Amino acid sequence: MNVGQRLATHAVLLRFLSAPVLLAVVGCTRSEPTAAIRSNVNPPGPTLSVVTSITVLADLVKNVGGERVEVKSLVPSGADPNTFQPPHRDVLVVSDADIVFFNGLGLDRTLRNVVINAARPDLPLVMLSDGLPTLDSGFSSDPFAPPGPTRGNPYLWLDPRNAVVYVERIRDTLGAIDPSGAATY
């Protein structure tokens, strides 16, 4: 290998090895929000305790509610909502909540007993998929219905139009429960 080939090899190695360092430096830098973004920060107010069935809904609620909500997903990240069995302590989490958001269409059916055992008739339960068009999938639109063949693809939020409806329903529900924060949501 001549000097030119060695230099070219070293240059490639240097670029290859410096890329992770550069990414780490860029990823660890913190940028300050602009004045426009800072002016839209949620004002302080009461914090609502919100429970969701799955993490996707928790993300939507957190993005809508910001600092005015404390969100807990019953199904943890990475778990399959179709087979997840919630621990008994989640009954307490649900019973202490101000509101619970479910997807519906059978995706939340394994959480049925947690909600039933929470025994709070005044606890608002919102099914975000209610009334939205679905594709035939073999799931029920009622998360509390016994398993069996029915209709409705439960992953409605994957269609951006449905995701907008989910966010609007979350916004409207949070605003109804927390009128002082309605303008924030």
Protein backbone atom coordinates (compact mmCIF):
# COMPACT_ATOMS: atom_id res chain seq x y z
CA MET A 1 0.00 0.00 0.00
CA ASN A 2 1.51 3.31 -1.05
CA VAL A 3 1.39 6.57 0.89
CA GLY A 4 -1.58 7.90 -1.08
CA GLN A 5 -3.65 4.78 -0.43
CA ARG A 6 -2.80 4.89 3.29
CA LEU A 7 -3.82 8.54 3.50
CA ALA A 8 -7.12 7.79 1.74
CA THR A 9 -7.75 4.87 4.11
CA HIS A 10 -6.96 7.04 7.14
CA ALA A 11 -9.28 9.78 5.86
CA VAL A 12 -12.14 7.29 5.48
CA LEU A 13 -11.48 5.87 8.96
CA LEU A 14 -11.32 9.37 10.45
CA ARG A 15 -14.66 10.29 8.88
CA PHE A 16 -16.22 7.01 9.98
CA LEU A 17 -15.00 7.34 13.57
CA SER A 18 -15.75 11.06 13.91
CA ALA A 19 -19.41 10.72 12.80
CA PRO A 20 -20.62 9.25 16.14
CA VAL A 21 -18.73 11.94 18.07
CA LEU A 22 -20.27 14.67 15.92
CA LEU A 23 -23.74 13.19 16.36
CA ALA A 24 -23.26 12.99 20.12
CA VAL A 25 -22.15 16.61 20.32
CA VAL A 26 -25.03 17.85 18.15
CA GLY A 27 -27.55 15.66 20.01
CA CYS A 28 -26.40 16.90 23.42
CA THR A 29 -26.54 20.59 22.62
CA ARG A 30 -29.50 22.43 24.00
CA SER A 31 -31.19 25.15 22.06
CA GLU A 32 -33.27 27.78 23.77
CA PRO A 33 -36.84 28.20 22.53
CA THR A 34 -37.60 31.30 20.55
CA ALA A 35 -39.71 34.05 22.06
CA ALA A 36 -42.72 32.89 19.98
CA ILE A 37 -42.47 29.37 21.38
CA ARG A 38 -41.89 30.62 24.95
CA SER A 39 -45.05 32.75 24.77
CA ASN A 40 -47.15 29.63 24.07
CA VAL A 41 -45.99 27.75 27.17
CA ASN A 42 -48.96 26.49 29.19
CA PRO A 43 -49.85 28.78 32.08
CA PRO A 44 -49.75 27.26 35.54
CA GLY A 45 -52.98 25.76 36.76
CA PRO A 46 -54.44 22.62 38.20
CA THR A 47 -52.89 19.39 37.00
CA LEU A 48 -55.33 16.79 35.73
CA SER A 49 -54.60 13.14 36.37
CA VAL A 50 -55.17 11.41 33.04
CA VAL A 51 -55.00 7.68 32.35
CA THR A 52 -54.81 6.25 28.85
CA SER A 53 -54.98 2.70 27.66
CA ILE A 54 -51.91 2.86 25.38
CA THR A 55 -48.81 5.00 25.00
CA VAL A 56 -49.87 6.49 21.66
CA LEU A 57 -52.86 8.06 23.40
CA ALA A 58 -50.67 9.15 26.31
CA ASP A 59 -48.43 10.99 23.83
CA LEU A 60 -51.43 12.71 22.24
CA VAL A 61 -52.84 13.74 25.63
CA LYS A 62 -49.46 15.04 26.81
CA ASN A 63 -49.04 17.08 23.64
CA VAL A 64 -52.52 18.57 23.98
CA GLY A 65 -52.45 19.08 27.76
CA GLY A 66 -48.81 20.03 28.27
CA GLU A 67 -47.98 20.92 31.86
CA ARG A 68 -51.64 20.89 32.86
CA VAL A 69 -51.83 17.08 32.68
CA GLU A 70 -50.08 14.19 34.38
CA VAL A 71 -50.48 11.19 32.08
CA LYS A 72 -50.15 7.46 32.81
CA SER A 73 -50.54 4.76 30.16
CA LEU A 74 -51.83 1.45 31.50
CA VAL A 75 -50.08 -0.52 28.77
CA PRO A 76 -46.35 0.29 28.97
CA SER A 77 -44.22 1.13 25.97
CA GLY A 78 -43.26 -1.97 24.03
CA ALA A 79 -46.06 -4.14 25.45
CA ASP A 80 -48.76 -5.60 23.20
CA PRO A 81 -52.13 -4.09 24.16
CA ASN A 82 -53.87 -7.18 22.78
CA THR A 83 -52.25 -9.47 25.35
CA PHE A 84 -51.06 -7.19 28.17
CA GLN A 85 -52.38 -8.09 31.61
CA PRO A 86 -52.32 -5.03 33.87
CA PRO A 87 -51.18 -5.40 37.47
CA HIS A 88 -53.82 -5.10 40.19
CA ARG A 89 -52.32 -1.81 41.41
CA ASP A 90 -53.55 -0.17 38.20
CA VAL A 91 -57.05 -0.24 39.73
CA LEU A 92 -55.81 2.46 42.13
CA VAL A 93 -54.29 4.45 39.28
CA VAL A 94 -57.61 4.42 37.42
CA SER A 95 -59.68 5.19 40.52
CA ASP A 96 -57.52 8.26 41.25
CA ALA A 97 -57.75 9.59 37.69
CA ASP A 98 -59.75 12.62 36.60
CA ILE A 99 -60.39 11.04 33.20
CA VAL A 100 -59.54 7.91 31.20
CA PHE A 101 -59.00 7.83 27.43
CA PHE A 102 -59.42 4.55 25.55
CA ASN A 103 -58.94 3.81 21.90
CA GLY A 104 -61.86 1.38 21.65
CA LEU A 105 -62.42 -1.16 18.89
CA GLY A 106 -61.18 -3.97 21.13
CA LEU A 107 -57.63 -2.72 21.44
CA ASP A 108 -58.21 -2.02 25.15
CA ARG A 109 -60.16 -5.18 26.00
CA THR A 110 -57.47 -6.57 28.31
CA LEU A 111 -57.93 -3.49 30.54
CA ARG A 112 -61.65 -4.10 31.08
CA ASN A 113 -61.29 -5.50 34.62
CA VAL A 114 -59.07 -2.64 35.78
CA VAL A 115 -61.72 -0.10 34.84
CA ILE A 116 -64.62 -2.18 36.18
CA ASN A 117 -62.79 -2.71 39.48
CA ALA A 118 -62.01 0.99 39.80
CA ALA A 119 -65.73 1.32 40.67
CA ARG A 120 -66.05 5.05 40.06
CA PRO A 121 -69.32 5.72 38.28
CA ASP A 122 -68.42 9.41 37.93
CA LEU A 123 -65.10 8.68 36.17
CA PRO A 124 -65.28 10.02 32.61
CA LEU A 125 -64.31 7.37 30.03
CA VAL A 126 -63.67 8.62 26.51
CA MET A 127 -63.57 6.21 23.56
CA LEU A 128 -61.58 8.12 20.97
CA SER A 129 -62.55 5.85 18.08
CA ASP A 130 -66.32 6.20 18.60
CA GLY A 131 -68.16 6.94 15.37
CA LEU A 132 -65.11 6.90 13.12
CA PRO A 133 -65.19 4.72 9.99
CA THR A 134 -63.28 1.47 10.34
CA LEU A 135 -62.02 -1.38 8.21
CA ASP A 136 -63.20 -4.90 8.93
CA SER A 137 -60.74 -6.48 11.38
CA GLY A 138 -62.70 -8.75 13.72
CA PHE A 139 -62.55 -6.39 16.73
CA SER A 140 -65.46 -4.90 18.66
CA SER A 141 -65.93 -1.15 19.01
CA ASP A 142 -66.72 -1.73 22.70
CA PRO A 143 -63.57 -2.37 24.78
CA PHE A 144 -65.73 -4.05 27.42
CA ALA A 145 -67.47 -6.44 25.03
CA PRO A 146 -66.55 -10.10 25.33
CA PRO A 147 -64.09 -11.35 22.73
CA GLY A 148 -65.72 -12.44 19.50
CA PRO A 149 -65.93 -11.65 15.82
CA THR A 150 -67.16 -8.10 15.13
CA ARG A 151 -65.84 -5.17 13.09
CA GLY A 152 -63.28 -2.38 13.26
CA ASN A 153 -59.55 -1.91 12.69
CA PRO A 154 -58.39 -0.42 16.03
CA TYR A 155 -55.38 1.52 14.71
CA LEU A 156 -57.37 4.53 13.55
CA TRP A 157 -54.79 7.14 14.62
CA LEU A 158 -52.53 5.97 11.79
CA ASP A 159 -54.81 7.86 9.39
CA PRO A 160 -53.94 11.56 9.91
CA ARG A 161 -57.61 12.54 9.54
CA ASN A 162 -58.53 10.26 12.44
CA ALA A 163 -55.55 11.48 14.46
CA VAL A 164 -56.92 15.01 14.11
CA VAL A 165 -60.30 13.80 15.42
CA TYR A 166 -58.56 12.10 18.36
CA VAL A 167 -56.71 15.32 19.22
CA GLU A 168 -59.89 17.41 18.92
CA ARG A 169 -61.74 15.01 21.22
CA ILE A 170 -58.90 15.11 23.73
CA ARG A 171 -58.82 18.93 23.57
CA ASP A 172 -62.58 19.25 23.99
CA THR A 173 -62.72 16.76 26.87
CA LEU A 174 -59.83 18.31 28.77
CA GLY A 175 -61.40 21.74 28.28
CA ALA A 176 -64.75 20.50 29.62
CA ILE A 177 -63.13 19.02 32.73
CA ASP A 178 -60.77 21.96 33.23
CA PRO A 179 -62.58 25.09 31.92
CA SER A 180 -59.86 27.39 33.26
CA GLY A 181 -57.38 25.67 30.94
CA ALA A 182 -59.67 25.38 27.90
CA ALA A 183 -57.85 28.11 26.00
CA THR A 184 -54.57 26.28 26.57
CA TYR A 185 -55.72 22.96 25.14
